[in-house]
Amino acid sequence: KENMRVHEELLNLAFAEEEALSHRIKVLEDELKILYKKREEFHLSNKDKISRLLAKRRSMARLEAKTKSMGDDLKRNNEDLGTSKKCKRALEDLQTKALEAAQDL
């Protein structure tokens, strides 16, 4: 009879532990669902951020190309300006010589 009581007590303890473990498993499964949801939200958030970064990178590349092109244009314009100034001075010198020659007539 004592042996039976010990056996019942052990069964009760085993059932109680099984219930506690079942409850813990349920809690962990619920936490896991939350973590899966957070992971999915994180992936979506990162996907949006990556898309924005790639768009910014493309814009930056276009701006860098445009900046280089404008720099090349500026260099050519400065060269043309130098040439124009030389031509202007040459024309002014010719005009001065022409006026001096006209006075001698």
N, C-alpha and C. Protein backbone atom coordinates (compact mmCIF):
# COMPACT_ATOMS: atom_id res chain seq x y z
N LYS A 1 0.82 -1.19 0.00
CA LYS A 1 0.00 0.00 0.00
C LYS A 1 0.87 1.25 0.00
N GLU A 2 1.91 1.25 0.78
CA GLU A 2 2.84 2.39 0.84
C GLU A 2 3.51 2.56 -0.52
N ASN A 3 3.83 1.45 -1.12
CA ASN A 3 4.46 1.45 -2.43
C ASN A 3 3.54 2.10 -3.47
N MET A 4 2.25 1.83 -3.36
CA MET A 4 1.26 2.39 -4.28
C MET A 4 1.16 3.89 -4.09
N ARG A 5 1.21 4.35 -2.83
CA ARG A 5 1.12 5.79 -2.55
C ARG A 5 2.34 6.52 -3.13
N VAL A 6 3.51 5.92 -2.98
CA VAL A 6 4.73 6.51 -3.53
C VAL A 6 4.63 6.57 -5.05
N HIS A 7 4.10 5.51 -5.64
CA HIS A 7 3.93 5.47 -7.09
C HIS A 7 2.95 6.55 -7.55
N GLU A 8 1.83 6.73 -6.82
CA GLU A 8 0.86 7.78 -7.15
C GLU A 8 1.49 9.17 -7.02
N GLU A 9 2.27 9.33 -5.96
CA GLU A 9 2.93 10.62 -5.74
C GLU A 9 3.89 10.93 -6.88
N LEU A 10 4.63 9.91 -7.31
CA LEU A 10 5.56 10.10 -8.43
C LEU A 10 4.81 10.43 -9.71
N LEU A 11 3.67 9.75 -9.92
CA LEU A 11 2.85 10.04 -11.11
C LEU A 11 2.31 11.47 -11.06
N ASN A 12 1.85 11.90 -9.88
CA ASN A 12 1.35 13.27 -9.73
C ASN A 12 2.46 14.28 -10.02
N LEU A 13 3.65 14.01 -9.50
CA LEU A 13 4.78 14.91 -9.76
C LEU A 13 5.12 14.94 -11.25
N ALA A 14 5.08 13.76 -11.89
CA ALA A 14 5.39 13.68 -13.32
C ALA A 14 4.35 14.45 -14.13
N PHE A 15 3.05 14.29 -13.78
CA PHE A 15 1.99 15.02 -14.49
C PHE A 15 2.13 16.53 -14.27
N ALA A 16 2.46 16.93 -13.05
CA ALA A 16 2.63 18.36 -12.75
C ALA A 16 3.80 18.91 -13.56
N GLU A 17 4.89 18.14 -13.61
CA GLU A 17 6.05 18.59 -14.38
C GLU A 17 5.70 18.65 -15.87
N GLU A 18 4.94 17.67 -16.34
CA GLU A 18 4.52 17.67 -17.75
C GLU A 18 3.66 18.89 -18.06
N GLU A 19 2.74 19.23 -17.16
CA GLU A 19 1.90 20.42 -17.36
C GLU A 19 2.75 21.68 -17.36
N ALA A 20 3.70 21.75 -16.43
CA ALA A 20 4.58 22.93 -16.38
C ALA A 20 5.40 23.03 -17.66
N LEU A 21 5.90 21.90 -18.13
CA LEU A 21 6.68 21.91 -19.37
C LEU A 21 5.80 22.26 -20.58
N SER A 22 4.58 21.74 -20.59
CA SER A 22 3.65 22.08 -21.68
C SER A 22 3.36 23.58 -21.69
N HIS A 23 3.16 24.14 -20.50
CA HIS A 23 2.92 25.58 -20.39
C HIS A 23 4.15 26.36 -20.87
N ARG A 24 5.33 25.90 -20.44
CA ARG A 24 6.58 26.59 -20.85
C ARG A 24 6.76 26.51 -22.36
N ILE A 25 6.45 25.34 -22.95
CA ILE A 25 6.53 25.18 -24.41
C ILE A 25 5.59 26.15 -25.10
N LYS A 26 4.37 26.29 -24.58
CA LYS A 26 3.39 27.22 -25.16
C LYS A 26 3.92 28.65 -25.10
N VAL A 27 4.47 29.03 -23.93
CA VAL A 27 5.03 30.38 -23.77
C VAL A 27 6.16 30.60 -24.77
N LEU A 28 7.05 29.62 -24.90
CA LEU A 28 8.18 29.75 -25.82
C LEU A 28 7.71 29.80 -27.28
N GLU A 29 6.69 29.01 -27.62
CA GLU A 29 6.15 29.06 -28.98
C GLU A 29 5.55 30.42 -29.28
N ASP A 30 4.85 31.01 -28.29
CA ASP A 30 4.29 32.35 -28.47
C ASP A 30 5.41 33.39 -28.66
N GLU A 31 6.46 33.26 -27.85
CA GLU A 31 7.60 34.17 -27.98
C GLU A 31 8.26 34.00 -29.35
N LEU A 32 8.34 32.74 -29.81
CA LEU A 32 8.94 32.47 -31.11
C LEU A 32 8.12 33.10 -32.23
N LYS A 33 6.80 33.04 -32.13
CA LYS A 33 5.94 33.69 -33.13
C LYS A 33 6.21 35.18 -33.18
N ILE A 34 6.34 35.79 -32.00
CA ILE A 34 6.63 37.23 -31.93
C ILE A 34 7.98 37.52 -32.58
N LEU A 35 8.97 36.67 -32.28
CA LEU A 35 10.30 36.88 -32.86
C LEU A 35 10.29 36.70 -34.37
N TYR A 36 9.54 35.73 -34.88
CA TYR A 36 9.42 35.56 -36.33
C TYR A 36 8.79 36.80 -36.97
N LYS A 37 7.76 37.32 -36.31
CA LYS A 37 7.10 38.52 -36.83
C LYS A 37 8.07 39.71 -36.83
N LYS A 38 8.82 39.87 -35.73
CA LYS A 38 9.79 40.96 -35.66
C LYS A 38 10.87 40.80 -36.72
N ARG A 39 11.30 39.55 -36.95
CA ARG A 39 12.32 39.30 -37.97
C ARG A 39 11.80 39.69 -39.35
N GLU A 40 10.55 39.33 -39.62
CA GLU A 40 9.95 39.68 -40.92
C GLU A 40 9.86 41.20 -41.08
N GLU A 41 9.42 41.88 -40.01
CA GLU A 41 9.35 43.35 -40.05
C GLU A 41 10.73 43.94 -40.25
N PHE A 42 11.73 43.36 -39.59
CA PHE A 42 13.11 43.83 -39.72
C PHE A 42 13.59 43.66 -41.16
N HIS A 43 13.30 42.50 -41.76
CA HIS A 43 13.70 42.26 -43.15
C HIS A 43 13.03 43.26 -44.08
N LEU A 44 11.74 43.50 -43.88
CA LEU A 44 11.03 44.47 -44.72
C LEU A 44 11.60 45.86 -44.54
N SER A 45 11.88 46.22 -43.29
CA SER A 45 12.45 47.53 -43.01
C SER A 45 13.82 47.66 -43.68
N ASN A 46 14.64 46.63 -43.56
CA ASN A 46 15.96 46.66 -44.19
C ASN A 46 15.84 46.72 -45.71
N LYS A 47 14.85 45.99 -46.25
CA LYS A 47 14.66 46.00 -47.70
C LYS A 47 14.35 47.42 -48.17
N ASP A 48 13.48 48.13 -47.44
CA ASP A 48 13.16 49.51 -47.79
C ASP A 48 14.39 50.40 -47.67
N LYS A 49 15.14 50.22 -46.59
CA LYS A 49 16.34 51.05 -46.39
C LYS A 49 17.37 50.78 -47.49
N ILE A 50 17.53 49.52 -47.84
CA ILE A 50 18.49 49.17 -48.89
C ILE A 50 18.05 49.76 -50.22
N SER A 51 16.75 49.71 -50.51
CA SER A 51 16.24 50.31 -51.75
C SER A 51 16.52 51.80 -51.78
N ARG A 52 16.29 52.48 -50.64
CA ARG A 52 16.57 53.93 -50.59
C ARG A 52 18.06 54.20 -50.76
N LEU A 53 18.90 53.38 -50.13
CA LEU A 53 20.35 53.57 -50.26
C LEU A 53 20.81 53.35 -51.70
N LEU A 54 20.25 52.35 -52.36
CA LEU A 54 20.62 52.11 -53.76
C LEU A 54 20.17 53.27 -54.64
N ALA A 55 18.98 53.81 -54.37
CA ALA A 55 18.51 54.97 -55.14
C ALA A 55 19.43 56.16 -54.90
N LYS A 56 19.84 56.37 -53.66
CA LYS A 56 20.77 57.47 -53.35
C LYS A 56 22.11 57.25 -54.04
N ARG A 57 22.54 56.00 -54.08
CA ARG A 57 23.82 55.69 -54.73
C ARG A 57 23.75 56.01 -56.22
N ARG A 58 22.63 55.63 -56.86
CA ARG A 58 22.46 55.95 -58.28
C ARG A 58 22.44 57.46 -58.50
N SER A 59 21.72 58.17 -57.63
CA SER A 59 21.68 59.64 -57.73
C SER A 59 23.08 60.22 -57.55
N MET A 60 23.81 59.70 -56.59
CA MET A 60 25.16 60.19 -56.33
C MET A 60 26.05 59.94 -57.55
N ALA A 61 25.93 58.79 -58.16
CA ALA A 61 26.74 58.48 -59.35
C ALA A 61 26.40 59.44 -60.49
N ARG A 62 25.09 59.71 -60.67
CA ARG A 62 24.68 60.68 -61.71
C ARG A 62 25.25 62.06 -61.41
N LEU A 63 25.16 62.47 -60.14
CA LEU A 63 25.68 63.79 -59.76
C LEU A 63 27.19 63.87 -59.95
N GLU A 64 27.89 62.79 -59.61
CA GLU A 64 29.34 62.79 -59.81
C GLU A 64 29.69 62.90 -61.29
N ALA A 65 28.95 62.18 -62.14
CA ALA A 65 29.19 62.25 -63.58
C ALA A 65 28.90 63.66 -64.09
N LYS A 66 27.80 64.25 -63.61
CA LYS A 66 27.45 65.61 -64.03
C LYS A 66 28.49 66.61 -63.54
N THR A 67 28.98 66.43 -62.32
CA THR A 67 30.02 67.32 -61.78
C THR A 67 31.28 67.24 -62.63
N LYS A 68 31.67 66.02 -63.01
CA LYS A 68 32.85 65.86 -63.86
C LYS A 68 32.62 66.53 -65.20
N SER A 69 31.46 66.32 -65.79
CA SER A 69 31.14 66.93 -67.08
C SER A 69 31.17 68.45 -66.97
N MET A 70 30.58 68.98 -65.90
CA MET A 70 30.58 70.44 -65.72
C MET A 70 32.00 70.96 -65.49
N GLY A 71 32.83 70.18 -64.79
CA GLY A 71 34.23 70.56 -64.59
C GLY A 71 34.96 70.62 -65.93
N ASP A 72 34.70 69.63 -66.79
CA ASP A 72 35.31 69.63 -68.12
C ASP A 72 34.83 70.84 -68.93
N ASP A 73 33.52 71.12 -68.84
CA ASP A 73 32.97 72.30 -69.54
C ASP A 73 33.62 73.58 -69.03
N LEU A 74 33.77 73.68 -67.71
CA LEU A 74 34.38 74.87 -67.12
C LEU A 74 35.82 75.03 -67.60
N LYS A 75 36.55 73.93 -67.68
CA LYS A 75 37.93 73.98 -68.15
C LYS A 75 37.98 74.49 -69.59
N ARG A 76 37.10 73.95 -70.45
CA ARG A 76 37.05 74.41 -71.85
C ARG A 76 36.67 75.88 -71.92
N ASN A 77 35.68 76.28 -71.11
CA ASN A 77 35.26 77.69 -71.11
C ASN A 77 36.40 78.61 -70.68
N ASN A 78 37.17 78.20 -69.67
CA ASN A 78 38.31 79.00 -69.23
C ASN A 78 39.37 79.10 -70.32
N GLU A 79 39.59 77.98 -71.02
CA GLU A 79 40.55 78.01 -72.14
C GLU A 79 40.05 78.95 -73.23
N ASP A 80 38.74 78.86 -73.54
CA ASP A 80 38.15 79.75 -74.56
C ASP A 80 38.24 81.20 -74.12
N LEU A 81 38.04 81.45 -72.82
CA LEU A 81 38.14 82.81 -72.30
C LEU A 81 39.55 83.35 -72.48
N GLY A 82 40.54 82.51 -72.20
CA GLY A 82 41.93 82.92 -72.40
C GLY A 82 42.21 83.25 -73.85
N THR A 83 41.71 82.39 -74.74
CA THR A 83 41.89 82.64 -76.18
C THR A 83 41.18 83.92 -76.59
N SER A 84 39.97 84.14 -76.08
CA SER A 84 39.21 85.35 -76.40
C SER A 84 39.95 86.60 -75.95
N LYS A 85 40.54 86.55 -74.76
CA LYS A 85 41.29 87.71 -74.26
C LYS A 85 42.50 88.00 -75.15
N LYS A 86 43.19 86.93 -75.58
CA LYS A 86 44.34 87.12 -76.48
C LYS A 86 43.89 87.75 -77.79
N CYS A 87 42.76 87.24 -78.32
CA CYS A 87 42.24 87.79 -79.59
C CYS A 87 41.83 89.25 -79.41
N LYS A 88 41.21 89.56 -78.28
CA LYS A 88 40.78 90.94 -78.01
C LYS A 88 42.00 91.86 -77.97
N ARG A 89 43.05 91.42 -77.28
CA ARG A 89 44.26 92.24 -77.20
C ARG A 89 44.88 92.42 -78.58
N ALA A 90 44.89 91.35 -79.36
CA ALA A 90 45.45 91.44 -80.71
C ALA A 90 44.64 92.41 -81.56
N LEU A 91 43.29 92.35 -81.45
CA LEU A 91 42.43 93.28 -82.20
C LEU A 91 42.63 94.71 -81.74
N GLU A 92 42.77 94.89 -80.42
CA GLU A 92 43.01 96.24 -79.90
C GLU A 92 44.34 96.78 -80.41
N ASP A 93 45.36 95.90 -80.46
CA ASP A 93 46.66 96.32 -81.00
C ASP A 93 46.54 96.69 -82.47
N LEU A 94 45.79 95.86 -83.23
CA LEU A 94 45.59 96.17 -84.66
C LEU A 94 44.83 97.47 -84.83
N GLN A 95 43.84 97.69 -83.97
CA GLN A 95 43.06 98.93 -84.05
C GLN A 95 43.95 100.14 -83.76
N THR A 96 44.78 100.01 -82.74
CA THR A 96 45.70 101.10 -82.39
C THR A 96 46.65 101.37 -83.56
N LYS A 97 47.20 100.33 -84.16
CA LYS A 97 48.11 100.50 -85.30
C LYS A 97 47.38 101.11 -86.49
N ALA A 98 46.12 100.67 -86.69
CA ALA A 98 45.34 101.22 -87.81
C ALA A 98 45.05 102.69 -87.59
N LEU A 99 44.72 103.07 -86.34
CA LEU A 99 44.46 104.48 -86.04
C LEU A 99 45.73 105.31 -86.22
N GLU A 100 46.87 104.78 -85.80
CA GLU A 100 48.14 105.49 -85.97
C GLU A 100 48.47 105.64 -87.46
N ALA A 101 48.22 104.58 -88.22
CA ALA A 101 48.48 104.63 -89.66
C ALA A 101 47.54 105.61 -90.34
N ALA A 102 46.30 105.69 -89.87
CA ALA A 102 45.31 106.60 -90.46
C ALA A 102 45.70 108.04 -90.17
N GLN A 103 46.31 108.31 -89.04
CA GLN A 103 46.72 109.68 -88.70
C GLN A 103 47.89 110.12 -89.58
N ASP A 104 48.69 109.18 -90.00
CA ASP A 104 49.83 109.50 -90.84
C ASP A 104 49.39 109.82 -92.26
N LEU A 105 48.18 109.49 -92.64
CA LEU A 105 47.71 109.75 -94.00
C LEU A 105 47.31 111.15 -94.21
